[in-house]
Amino acid sequence: MSTEAFQARARKHWTIWLPQRVADLKARGLFQEALRVAAIQAQEEKARLMASGYPSHAADEVVLKQFILLDPEPDADADEELDAELAEKERAYQEMMREPPENPQD
């Protein structure tokens, strides 16, 4: 994964799961710089891990968790949105899996 890809993933993840941090960084004019620094750190750590024998995909997984896909804020609204989306998908799945009647009326 490239530095630009790490930065894009961080932007998307942070915006959804770290809204307070993003608002604070934007208010201080530091959001883009924070994304850039996280992506550079991820890329440098990935290179170090690969030099020590990690395959690229495994190194990506380590650095994504460490620098990019940070834990959500405790009160992130995305949890409610995710719960609603999952509930709708479950409802649709249950509807789809419902068995048809034995003798349907024409």
PDB file of N, CA and C in Angstrom:
ATOM      1  N   MET A   1       0.859  -1.172   0.000  1.00  0.00           N
ATOM      2  CA  MET A   1       0.000   0.000   0.000  1.00  0.00           C
ATOM      3  C   MET A   1       0.905   1.236   0.000  1.00  0.00           C
ATOM      4  N   SER A   2       0.557   2.194  -0.806  1.00  0.00           N
ATOM      5  CA  SER A   2       1.366   3.406  -0.928  1.00  0.00           C
ATOM      6  C   SER A   2       1.041   4.414   0.170  1.00  0.00           C
ATOM      7  N   THR A   3       1.898   5.417   0.285  1.00  0.00           N
ATOM      8  CA  THR A   3       1.661   6.487   1.256  1.00  0.00           C
ATOM      9  C   THR A   3       0.329   7.178   0.953  1.00  0.00           C
ATOM     10  N   GLU A   4       0.055   7.393  -0.325  1.00  0.00           N
ATOM     11  CA  GLU A   4      -1.206   8.042  -0.706  1.00  0.00           C
ATOM     12  C   GLU A   4      -2.407   7.184  -0.328  1.00  0.00           C
ATOM     13  N   ALA A   5      -2.285   5.876  -0.494  1.00  0.00           N
ATOM     14  CA  ALA A   5      -3.381   4.975  -0.117  1.00  0.00           C
ATOM     15  C   ALA A   5      -3.588   4.968   1.392  1.00  0.00           C
ATOM     16  N   PHE A   6      -2.482   4.966   2.148  1.00  0.00           N
ATOM     17  CA  PHE A   6      -2.602   5.044   3.604  1.00  0.00           C
ATOM     18  C   PHE A   6      -3.308   6.340   4.003  1.00  0.00           C
ATOM     19  N   GLN A   7      -2.940   7.435   3.358  1.00  0.00           N
ATOM     20  CA  GLN A   7      -3.535   8.725   3.682  1.00  0.00           C
ATOM     21  C   GLN A   7      -5.025   8.742   3.367  1.00  0.00           C
ATOM     22  N   ALA A   8      -5.408   8.184   2.249  1.00  0.00           N
ATOM     23  CA  ALA A   8      -6.827   8.129   1.873  1.00  0.00           C
ATOM     24  C   ALA A   8      -7.616   7.274   2.859  1.00  0.00           C
ATOM     25  N   ARG A   9      -7.051   6.132   3.250  1.00  0.00           N
ATOM     26  CA  ARG A   9      -7.736   5.264   4.237  1.00  0.00           C
ATOM     27  C   ARG A   9      -7.900   5.984   5.560  1.00  0.00           C
ATOM     28  N   ALA A  10      -6.846   6.684   5.990  1.00  0.00           N
ATOM     29  CA  ALA A  10      -6.915   7.427   7.251  1.00  0.00           C
ATOM     30  C   ALA A  10      -7.990   8.500   7.178  1.00  0.00           C
ATOM     31  N   ARG A  11      -8.034   9.252   6.086  1.00  0.00           N
ATOM     32  CA  ARG A  11      -9.033  10.318   5.938  1.00  0.00           C
ATOM     33  C   ARG A  11     -10.443   9.748   6.078  1.00  0.00           C
ATOM     34  N   LYS A  12     -10.713   8.672   5.386  1.00  0.00           N
ATOM     35  CA  LYS A  12     -12.052   8.068   5.428  1.00  0.00           C
ATOM     36  C   LYS A  12     -12.364   7.544   6.832  1.00  0.00           C
ATOM     37  N   HIS A  13     -11.445   6.780   7.397  1.00  0.00           N
ATOM     38  CA  HIS A  13     -11.674   6.169   8.712  1.00  0.00           C
ATOM     39  C   HIS A  13     -11.818   7.233   9.799  1.00  0.00           C
ATOM     40  N   TRP A  14     -10.900   8.176   9.827  1.00  0.00           N
ATOM     41  CA  TRP A  14     -10.933   9.198  10.876  1.00  0.00           C
ATOM     42  C   TRP A  14     -12.198  10.036  10.799  1.00  0.00           C
ATOM     43  N   THR A  15     -12.626  10.367   9.588  1.00  0.00           N
ATOM     44  CA  THR A  15     -13.815  11.190   9.431  1.00  0.00           C
ATOM     45  C   THR A  15     -15.041  10.499  10.004  1.00  0.00           C
ATOM     46  N   ILE A  16     -15.128   9.198   9.803  1.00  0.00           N
ATOM     47  CA  ILE A  16     -16.278   8.438  10.306  1.00  0.00           C
ATOM     48  C   ILE A  16     -16.162   8.145  11.794  1.00  0.00           C
ATOM     49  N   TRP A  17     -15.026   7.636  12.217  1.00  0.00           N
ATOM     50  CA  TRP A  17     -14.889   7.086  13.562  1.00  0.00           C
ATOM     51  C   TRP A  17     -14.232   8.017  14.581  1.00  0.00           C
ATOM     52  N   LEU A  18     -13.626   9.101  14.130  1.00  0.00           N
ATOM     53  CA  LEU A  18     -12.966  10.040  15.051  1.00  0.00           C
ATOM     54  C   LEU A  18     -13.431  11.476  14.775  1.00  0.00           C
ATOM     55  N   PRO A  19     -14.733  11.722  14.801  1.00  0.00           N
ATOM     56  CA  PRO A  19     -15.232  13.042  14.408  1.00  0.00           C
ATOM     57  C   PRO A  19     -14.732  14.178  15.294  1.00  0.00           C
ATOM     58  N   GLN A  20     -14.589  13.948  16.576  1.00  0.00           N
ATOM     59  CA  GLN A  20     -14.093  15.004  17.471  1.00  0.00           C
ATOM     60  C   GLN A  20     -12.630  15.328  17.178  1.00  0.00           C
ATOM     61  N   ARG A  21     -11.823  14.303  16.979  1.00  0.00           N
ATOM     62  CA  ARG A  21     -10.408  14.514  16.664  1.00  0.00           C
ATOM     63  C   ARG A  21     -10.272  15.259  15.340  1.00  0.00           C
ATOM     64  N   VAL A  22     -11.055  14.850  14.351  1.00  0.00           N
ATOM     65  CA  VAL A  22     -11.007  15.508  13.044  1.00  0.00           C
ATOM     66  C   VAL A  22     -11.419  16.977  13.182  1.00  0.00           C
ATOM     67  N   ALA A  23     -12.485  17.239  13.909  1.00  0.00           N
ATOM     68  CA  ALA A  23     -12.941  18.624  14.101  1.00  0.00           C
ATOM     69  C   ALA A  23     -11.858  19.459  14.780  1.00  0.00           C
ATOM     70  N   ASP A  24     -11.224  18.893  15.782  1.00  0.00           N
ATOM     71  CA  ASP A  24     -10.155  19.594  16.489  1.00  0.00           C
ATOM     72  C   ASP A  24      -8.969  19.878  15.565  1.00  0.00           C
ATOM     73  N   LEU A  25      -8.552  18.863  14.816  1.00  0.00           N
ATOM     74  CA  LEU A  25      -7.427  19.046  13.893  1.00  0.00           C
ATOM     75  C   LEU A  25      -7.757  20.076  12.815  1.00  0.00           C
ATOM     76  N   LYS A  26      -8.974  20.024  12.286  1.00  0.00           N
ATOM     77  CA  LYS A  26      -9.374  20.994  11.269  1.00  0.00           C
ATOM     78  C   LYS A  26      -9.416  22.406  11.844  1.00  0.00           C
ATOM     79  N   ALA A  27      -9.934  22.541  13.061  1.00  0.00           N
ATOM     80  CA  ALA A  27     -10.008  23.858  13.698  1.00  0.00           C
ATOM     81  C   ALA A  27      -8.617  24.465  13.885  1.00  0.00           C
ATOM     82  N   ARG A  28      -7.636  23.635  14.116  1.00  0.00           N
ATOM     83  CA  ARG A  28      -6.255  24.101  14.313  1.00  0.00           C
ATOM     84  C   ARG A  28      -5.469  24.118  12.998  1.00  0.00           C
ATOM     85  N   GLY A  29      -6.123  23.723  11.889  1.00  0.00           N
ATOM     86  CA  GLY A  29      -5.461  23.714  10.593  1.00  0.00           C
ATOM     87  C   GLY A  29      -4.428  22.613  10.444  1.00  0.00           C
ATOM     88  N   LEU A  30      -4.626  21.508  11.166  1.00  0.00           N
ATOM     89  CA  LEU A  30      -3.626  20.436  11.191  1.00  0.00           C
ATOM     90  C   LEU A  30      -4.110  19.114  10.611  1.00  0.00           C
ATOM     91  N   PHE A  31      -5.322  19.069  10.080  1.00  0.00           N
ATOM     92  CA  PHE A  31      -5.883  17.797   9.628  1.00  0.00           C
ATOM     93  C   PHE A  31      -5.043  17.173   8.519  1.00  0.00           C
ATOM     94  N   GLN A  32      -4.772  17.938   7.464  1.00  0.00           N
ATOM     95  CA  GLN A  32      -4.002  17.387   6.343  1.00  0.00           C
ATOM     96  C   GLN A  32      -2.609  16.956   6.792  1.00  0.00           C
ATOM     97  N   GLU A  33      -1.988  17.745   7.652  1.00  0.00           N
ATOM     98  CA  GLU A  33      -0.645  17.398   8.145  1.00  0.00           C
ATOM     99  C   GLU A  33      -0.689  16.117   8.978  1.00  0.00           C
ATOM    100  N   ALA A  34      -1.711  15.953   9.814  1.00  0.00           N
ATOM    101  CA  ALA A  34      -1.834  14.745  10.626  1.00  0.00           C
ATOM    102  C   ALA A  34      -2.014  13.512   9.740  1.00  0.00           C
ATOM    103  N   LEU A  35      -2.820  13.647   8.690  1.00  0.00           N
ATOM    104  CA  LEU A  35      -2.998  12.538   7.749  1.00  0.00           C
ATOM    105  C   LEU A  35      -1.679  12.184   7.072  1.00  0.00           C
ATOM    106  N   ARG A  36      -0.963  13.203   6.643  1.00  0.00           N
ATOM    107  CA  ARG A  36       0.311  12.991   5.953  1.00  0.00           C
ATOM    108  C   ARG A  36       1.319  12.317   6.869  1.00  0.00           C
ATOM    109  N   VAL A  37       1.426  12.782   8.100  1.00  0.00           N
ATOM    110  CA  VAL A  37       2.376  12.207   9.056  1.00  0.00           C
ATOM    111  C   VAL A  37       2.028  10.754   9.357  1.00  0.00           C
ATOM    112  N   ALA A  38       0.749  10.460   9.575  1.00  0.00           N
ATOM    113  CA  ALA A  38       0.332   9.081   9.853  1.00  0.00           C
ATOM    114  C   ALA A  38       0.674   8.172   8.675  1.00  0.00           C
ATOM    115  N   ALA A  39       0.440   8.657   7.457  1.00  0.00           N
ATOM    116  CA  ALA A  39       0.729   7.856   6.264  1.00  0.00           C
ATOM    117  C   ALA A  39       2.225   7.613   6.104  1.00  0.00           C
ATOM    118  N   ILE A  40       3.023   8.623   6.358  1.00  0.00           N
ATOM    119  CA  ILE A  40       4.483   8.477   6.260  1.00  0.00           C
ATOM    120  C   ILE A  40       4.985   7.502   7.314  1.00  0.00           C
ATOM    121  N   GLN A  41       4.491   7.644   8.539  1.00  0.00           N
ATOM    122  CA  GLN A  41       4.899   6.710   9.602  1.00  0.00           C
ATOM    123  C   GLN A  41       4.496   5.281   9.248  1.00  0.00           C
ATOM    124  N   ALA A  42       3.309   5.114   8.704  1.00  0.00           N
ATOM    125  CA  ALA A  42       2.854   3.777   8.299  1.00  0.00           C
ATOM    126  C   ALA A  42       3.771   3.210   7.221  1.00  0.00           C
ATOM    127  N   GLN A  43       4.105   4.029   6.238  1.00  0.00           N
ATOM    128  CA  GLN A  43       4.960   3.569   5.145  1.00  0.00           C
ATOM    129  C   GLN A  43       6.356   3.202   5.654  1.00  0.00           C
ATOM    130  N   GLU A  44       6.911   4.008   6.552  1.00  0.00           N
ATOM    131  CA  GLU A  44       8.243   3.721   7.102  1.00  0.00           C
ATOM    132  C   GLU A  44       8.243   2.436   7.928  1.00  0.00           C
ATOM    133  N   GLU A  45       7.204   2.257   8.735  1.00  0.00           N
ATOM    134  CA  GLU A  45       7.108   1.036   9.547  1.00  0.00           C
ATOM    135  C   GLU A  45       6.891  -0.184   8.658  1.00  0.00           C
ATOM    136  N   LYS A  46       6.098  -0.021   7.609  1.00  0.00           N
ATOM    137  CA  LYS A  46       5.888  -1.118   6.671  1.00  0.00           C
ATOM    138  C   LYS A  46       7.216  -1.542   6.052  1.00  0.00           C
ATOM    139  N   ALA A  47       8.019  -0.586   5.638  1.00  0.00           N
ATOM    140  CA  ALA A  47       9.329  -0.893   5.043  1.00  0.00           C
ATOM    141  C   ALA A  47      10.213  -1.632   6.051  1.00  0.00           C
ATOM    142  N   ARG A  48      10.185  -1.184   7.314  1.00  0.00           N
ATOM    143  CA  ARG A  48      10.976  -1.847   8.353  1.00  0.00           C
ATOM    144  C   ARG A  48      10.510  -3.284   8.566  1.00  0.00           C
ATOM    145  N   LEU A  49       9.198  -3.487   8.618  1.00  0.00           N
ATOM    146  CA  LEU A  49       8.645  -4.831   8.817  1.00  0.00           C
ATOM    147  C   LEU A  49       8.995  -5.742   7.640  1.00  0.00           C
ATOM    148  N   MET A  50       8.882  -5.217   6.437  1.00  0.00           N
ATOM    149  CA  MET A  50       9.202  -6.027   5.263  1.00  0.00           C
ATOM    150  C   MET A  50      10.693  -6.376   5.230  1.00  0.00           C
ATOM    151  N   ALA A  51      11.536  -5.467   5.686  1.00  0.00           N
ATOM    152  CA  ALA A  51      12.975  -5.746   5.744  1.00  0.00           C
ATOM    153  C   ALA A  51      13.279  -6.846   6.754  1.00  0.00           C
ATOM    154  N   SER A  52      12.404  -6.989   7.749  1.00  0.00           N
ATOM    155  CA  SER A  52      12.613  -8.038   8.745  1.00  0.00           C
ATOM    156  C   SER A  52      11.893  -9.336   8.380  1.00  0.00           C
ATOM    157  N   GLY A  53      11.279  -9.385   7.175  1.00  0.00           N
ATOM    158  CA  GLY A  53      10.713 -10.639   6.706  1.00  0.00           C
ATOM    159  C   GLY A  53       9.215 -10.699   6.543  1.00  0.00           C
ATOM    160  N   TYR A  54       8.489  -9.659   6.928  1.00  0.00           N
ATOM    161  CA  TYR A  54       7.044  -9.663   6.753  1.00  0.00           C
ATOM    162  C   TYR A  54       6.693  -9.575   5.269  1.00  0.00           C
ATOM    163  N   PRO A  55       5.702 -10.336   4.817  1.00  0.00           N
ATOM    164  CA  PRO A  55       5.192 -10.097   3.465  1.00  0.00           C
ATOM    165  C   PRO A  55       4.436  -8.755   3.448  1.00  0.00           C
ATOM    166  N   SER A  56       4.297  -8.168   2.284  1.00  0.00           N
ATOM    167  CA  SER A  56       3.688  -6.845   2.150  1.00  0.00           C
ATOM    168  C   SER A  56       2.297  -6.773   2.785  1.00  0.00           C
ATOM    169  N   HIS A  57       1.441  -7.761   2.495  1.00  0.00           N
ATOM    170  CA  HIS A  57       0.073  -7.715   3.029  1.00  0.00           C
ATOM    171  C   HIS A  57       0.051  -7.800   4.555  1.00  0.00           C
ATOM    172  N   ALA A  58       0.943  -8.575   5.131  1.00  0.00           N
ATOM    173  CA  ALA A  58       0.997  -8.691   6.593  1.00  0.00           C
ATOM    174  C   ALA A  58       1.499  -7.387   7.210  1.00  0.00           C
ATOM    175  N   ALA A  59       2.487  -6.778   6.582  1.00  0.00           N
ATOM    176  CA  ALA A  59       2.994  -5.494   7.063  1.00  0.00           C
ATOM    177  C   ALA A  59       1.895  -4.433   6.987  1.00  0.00           C
ATOM    178  N   ASP A  60       1.111  -4.459   5.907  1.00  0.00           N
ATOM    179  CA  ASP A  60      -0.006  -3.522   5.786  1.00  0.00           C
ATOM    180  C   ASP A  60      -0.972  -3.673   6.961  1.00  0.00           C
ATOM    181  N   GLU A  61      -1.314  -4.899   7.290  1.00  0.00           N
ATOM    182  CA  GLU A  61      -2.254  -5.141   8.386  1.00  0.00           C
ATOM    183  C   GLU A  61      -1.741  -4.569   9.706  1.00  0.00           C
ATOM    184  N   VAL A  62      -0.459  -4.745   9.968  1.00  0.00           N
ATOM    185  CA  VAL A  62       0.134  -4.240  11.210  1.00  0.00           C
ATOM    186  C   VAL A  62       0.063  -2.720  11.245  1.00  0.00           C
ATOM    187  N   VAL A  63       0.518  -2.076  10.183  1.00  0.00           N
ATOM    188  CA  VAL A  63       0.593  -0.615  10.214  1.00  0.00           C
ATOM    189  C   VAL A  63      -0.779   0.048  10.094  1.00  0.00           C
ATOM    190  N   LEU A  64      -1.720  -0.604   9.426  1.00  0.00           N
ATOM    191  CA  LEU A  64      -3.069  -0.044   9.377  1.00  0.00           C
ATOM    192  C   LEU A  64      -3.632   0.083  10.788  1.00  0.00           C
ATOM    193  N   LYS A  65      -3.483  -0.966  11.562  1.00  0.00           N
ATOM    194  CA  LYS A  65      -4.001  -0.943  12.933  1.00  0.00           C
ATOM    195  C   LYS A  65      -3.249   0.060  13.798  1.00  0.00           C
ATOM    196  N   GLN A  66      -1.957   0.172  13.585  1.00  0.00           N
ATOM    197  CA  GLN A  66      -1.118   1.022  14.423  1.00  0.00           C
ATOM    198  C   GLN A  66      -1.267   2.517  14.113  1.00  0.00           C
ATOM    199  N   PHE A  67      -1.378   2.883  12.838  1.00  0.00           N
ATOM    200  CA  PHE A  67      -1.331   4.293  12.463  1.00  0.00           C
ATOM    201  C   PHE A  67      -2.576   4.826  11.768  1.00  0.00           C
ATOM    202  N   ILE A  68      -3.349   3.972  11.120  1.00  0.00           N
ATOM    203  CA  ILE A  68      -4.409   4.439  10.228  1.00  0.00           C
ATOM    204  C   ILE A  68      -5.811   4.155  10.772  1.00  0.00           C
ATOM    205  N   LEU A  69      -6.110   2.910  11.056  1.00  0.00           N
ATOM    206  CA  LEU A  69      -7.448   2.515  11.503  1.00  0.00           C
ATOM    207  C   LEU A  69      -7.518   2.556  13.024  1.00  0.00           C
ATOM    208  N   LEU A  70      -7.442   3.766  13.552  1.00  0.00           N
ATOM    209  CA  LEU A  70      -7.407   3.969  14.997  1.00  0.00           C
ATOM    210  C   LEU A  70      -8.755   3.623  15.621  1.00  0.00           C
ATOM    211  N   ASP A  71      -8.719   3.284  16.911  1.00  0.00           N
ATOM    212  CA  ASP A  71      -9.949   2.928  17.621  1.00  0.00           C
ATOM    213  C   ASP A  71     -10.948   4.081  17.582  1.00  0.00           C
ATOM    214  N   PRO A  72     -12.227   3.767  17.423  1.00  0.00           N
ATOM    215  CA  PRO A  72     -13.254   4.816  17.374  1.00  0.00           C
ATOM    216  C   PRO A  72     -13.347   5.581  18.684  1.00  0.00           C
ATOM    217  N   GLU A  73     -13.811   6.810  18.567  1.00  0.00           N
ATOM    218  CA  GLU A  73     -14.100   7.592  19.765  1.00  0.00           C
ATOM    219  C   GLU A  73     -15.296   6.954  20.456  1.00  0.00           C
ATOM    220  N   PRO A  74     -15.341   7.016  21.784  1.00  0.00           N
ATOM    221  CA  PRO A  74     -16.426   6.350  22.511  1.00  0.00           C
ATOM    222  C   PRO A  74     -17.823   6.809  22.106  1.00  0.00           C
ATOM    223  N   ASP A  75     -17.979   8.052  21.736  1.00  0.00           N
ATOM    224  CA  ASP A  75     -19.310   8.554  21.420  1.00  0.00           C
ATOM    225  C   ASP A  75     -19.508   8.825  19.932  1.00  0.00           C
ATOM    226  N   ALA A  76     -18.775   8.114  19.104  1.00  0.00           N
ATOM    227  CA  ALA A  76     -18.893   8.321  17.656  1.00  0.00           C
ATOM    228  C   ALA A  76     -20.299   7.940  17.188  1.00  0.00           C
ATOM    229  N   ASP A  77     -20.966   8.841  16.468  1.00  0.00           N
ATOM    230  CA  ASP A  77     -22.317   8.598  15.964  1.00  0.00           C
ATOM    231  C   ASP A  77     -22.358   7.469  14.954  1.00  0.00           C
ATOM    232  N   ALA A  78     -21.221   7.132  14.372  1.00  0.00           N
ATOM    233  CA  ALA A  78     -21.184   6.092  13.354  1.00  0.00           C
ATOM    234  C   ALA A  78     -21.666   4.753  13.905  1.00  0.00           C
ATOM    235  N   ASP A  79     -21.531   4.548  15.224  1.00  0.00           N
ATOM    236  CA  ASP A  79     -22.005   3.299  15.823  1.00  0.00           C
ATOM    237  C   ASP A  79     -23.506   3.140  15.611  1.00  0.00           C
ATOM    238  N   GLU A  80     -24.252   4.205  15.798  1.00  0.00           N
ATOM    239  CA  GLU A  80     -25.699   4.142  15.613  1.00  0.00           C
ATOM    240  C   GLU A  80     -26.047   3.901  14.152  1.00  0.00           C
ATOM    241  N   GLU A  81     -25.329   4.565  13.254  1.00  0.00           N
ATOM    242  CA  GLU A  81     -25.566   4.378  11.831  1.00  0.00           C
ATOM    243  C   GLU A  81     -25.256   2.948  11.421  1.00  0.00           C
ATOM    244  N   LEU A  82     -24.160   2.407  11.936  1.00  0.00           N
ATOM    245  CA  LEU A  82     -23.782   1.037  11.619  1.00  0.00           C
ATOM    246  C   LEU A  82     -24.817   0.060  12.155  1.00  0.00           C
ATOM    247  N   ASP A  83     -25.284   0.274  13.390  1.00  0.00           N
ATOM    248  CA  ASP A  83     -26.313  -0.596  13.956  1.00  0.00           C
ATOM    249  C   ASP A  83     -27.571  -0.595  13.098  1.00  0.00           C
ATOM    250  N   ALA A  84     -27.995   0.576  12.642  1.00  0.00           N
ATOM    251  CA  ALA A  84     -29.193   0.668  11.809  1.00  0.00           C
ATOM    252  C   ALA A  84     -28.980  -0.037  10.478  1.00  0.00           C
ATOM    253  N   GLU A  85     -27.803   0.139   9.889  1.00  0.00           N
ATOM    254  CA  GLU A  85     -27.510  -0.524   8.618  1.00  0.00           C
ATOM    255  C   GLU A  85     -27.495  -2.038   8.778  1.00  0.00           C
ATOM    256  N   LEU A  86     -26.874  -2.523   9.844  1.00  0.00           N
ATOM    257  CA  LEU A  86     -26.834  -3.963  10.087  1.00  0.00           C
ATOM    258  C   LEU A  86     -28.227  -4.527  10.352  1.00  0.00           C
ATOM    259  N   ALA A  87     -29.054  -3.801  11.085  1.00  0.00           N
ATOM    260  CA  ALA A  87     -30.414  -4.250  11.359  1.00  0.00           C
ATOM    261  C   ALA A  87     -31.216  -4.356  10.061  1.00  0.00           C
ATOM    262  N   GLU A  88     -31.041  -3.385   9.172  1.00  0.00           N
ATOM    263  CA  GLU A  88     -31.746  -3.428   7.879  1.00  0.00           C
ATOM    264  C   GLU A  88     -31.270  -4.606   7.037  1.00  0.00           C
ATOM    265  N   LYS A  89     -29.972  -4.872   7.032  1.00  0.00           N
ATOM    266  CA  LYS A  89     -29.438  -6.009   6.273  1.00  0.00           C
ATOM    267  C   LYS A  89     -29.939  -7.328   6.849  1.00  0.00           C
ATOM    268  N   GLU A  90     -30.022  -7.416   8.167  1.00  0.00           N
ATOM    269  CA  GLU A  90     -30.537  -8.628   8.806  1.00  0.00           C
ATOM    270  C   GLU A  90     -32.001  -8.833   8.450  1.00  0.00           C
ATOM    271  N   ARG A  91     -32.798  -7.754   8.467  1.00  0.00           N
ATOM    272  CA  ARG A  91     -34.207  -7.850   8.110  1.00  0.00           C
ATOM    273  C   ARG A  91     -34.358  -8.334   6.665  1.00  0.00           C
ATOM    274  N   ALA A  92     -33.570  -7.767   5.763  1.00  0.00           N
ATOM    275  CA  ALA A  92     -33.629  -8.164   4.355  1.00  0.00           C
ATOM    276  C   ALA A  92     -33.214  -9.625   4.186  1.00  0.00           C
ATOM    277  N   TYR A  93     -32.208 -10.042   4.924  1.00  0.00           N
ATOM    278  CA  TYR A  93     -31.747 -11.428   4.844  1.00  0.00           C
ATOM    279  C   TYR A  93     -32.826 -12.380   5.348  1.00  0.00           C
ATOM    280  N   GLN A  94     -33.435 -12.056   6.485  1.00  0.00           N
ATOM    281  CA  GLN A  94     -34.487 -12.907   7.040  1.00  0.00           C
ATOM    282  C   GLN A  94     -35.664 -13.004   6.070  1.00  0.00           C
ATOM    283  N   GLU A  95     -36.002 -11.903   5.431  1.00  0.00           N
ATOM    284  CA  GLU A  95     -37.094 -11.907   4.444  1.00  0.00           C
ATOM    285  C   GLU A  95     -36.735 -12.818   3.272  1.00  0.00           C
ATOM    286  N   MET A  96     -35.508 -12.724   2.804  1.00  0.00           N
ATOM    287  CA  MET A  96     -35.063 -13.523   1.666  1.00  0.00           C
ATOM    288  C   MET A  96     -35.039 -15.016   2.020  1.00  0.00           C
ATOM    289  N   MET A  97     -34.708 -15.350   3.253  1.00  0.00           N
ATOM    290  CA  MET A  97     -34.555 -16.738   3.664  1.00  0.00           C
ATOM    291  C   MET A  97     -35.874 -17.388   4.080  1.00  0.00           C
ATOM    292  N   ARG A  98     -36.921 -16.600   4.189  1.00  0.00           N
ATOM    293  CA  ARG A  98     -38.215 -17.138   4.561  1.00  0.00           C
ATOM    294  C   ARG A  98     -38.650 -18.151   3.514  1.00  0.00           C
ATOM    295  N   GLU A  99     -39.111 -19.300   3.958  1.00  0.00           N
ATOM    296  CA  GLU A  99     -39.525 -20.357   3.032  1.00  0.00           C
ATOM    297  C   GLU A  99     -40.830 -19.972   2.353  1.00  0.00           C
ATOM    298  N   PRO A 100     -40.950 -20.297   1.071  1.00  0.00           N
ATOM    299  CA  PRO A 100     -42.220 -20.014   0.381  1.00  0.00           C
ATOM    300  C   PRO A 100     -43.308 -20.943   0.921  1.00  0.00           C
ATOM    301  N   PRO A 101     -44.565 -20.576   0.775  1.00  0.00           N
ATOM    302  CA  PRO A 101     -45.667 -21.442   1.242  1.00  0.00           C
ATOM    303  C   PRO A 101     -45.660 -22.763   0.487  1.00  0.00           C
ATOM    304  N   GLU A 102     -46.154 -23.812   1.140  1.00  0.00           N
ATOM    305  CA  GLU A 102     -46.196 -25.156   0.552  1.00  0.00           C
ATOM    306  C   GLU A 102     -47.003 -25.160  -0.742  1.00  0.00           C
ATOM    307  N   ASN A 103     -48.215 -24.660  -0.724  1.00  0.00           N
ATOM    308  CA  ASN A 103     -49.101 -24.657  -1.884  1.00  0.00           C
ATOM    309  C   ASN A 103     -49.533 -23.211  -2.166  1.00  0.00           C
ATOM    310  N   PRO A 104     -48.744 -22.498  -2.921  1.00  0.00           N
ATOM    311  CA  PRO A 104     -49.127 -21.097  -3.184  1.00  0.00           C
ATOM    312  C   PRO A 104     -50.435 -21.018  -3.960  1.00  0.00           C
ATOM    313  N   GLN A 105     -51.277 -20.061  -3.619  1.00  0.00           N
ATOM    314  CA  GLN A 105     -52.550 -19.848  -4.300  1.00  0.00           C
ATOM    315  C   GLN A 105     -52.288 -19.088  -5.598  1.00  0.00           C
ATOM    316  N   ASP A 106     -52.933 -19.503  -6.681  1.00  0.00           N
ATOM    317  CA  ASP A 106     -52.748 -18.816  -7.968  1.00  0.00           C
ATOM    318  C   ASP A 106     -53.644 -17.639  -8.076  1.00  0.00           C
TER     319      ASP A 106
END
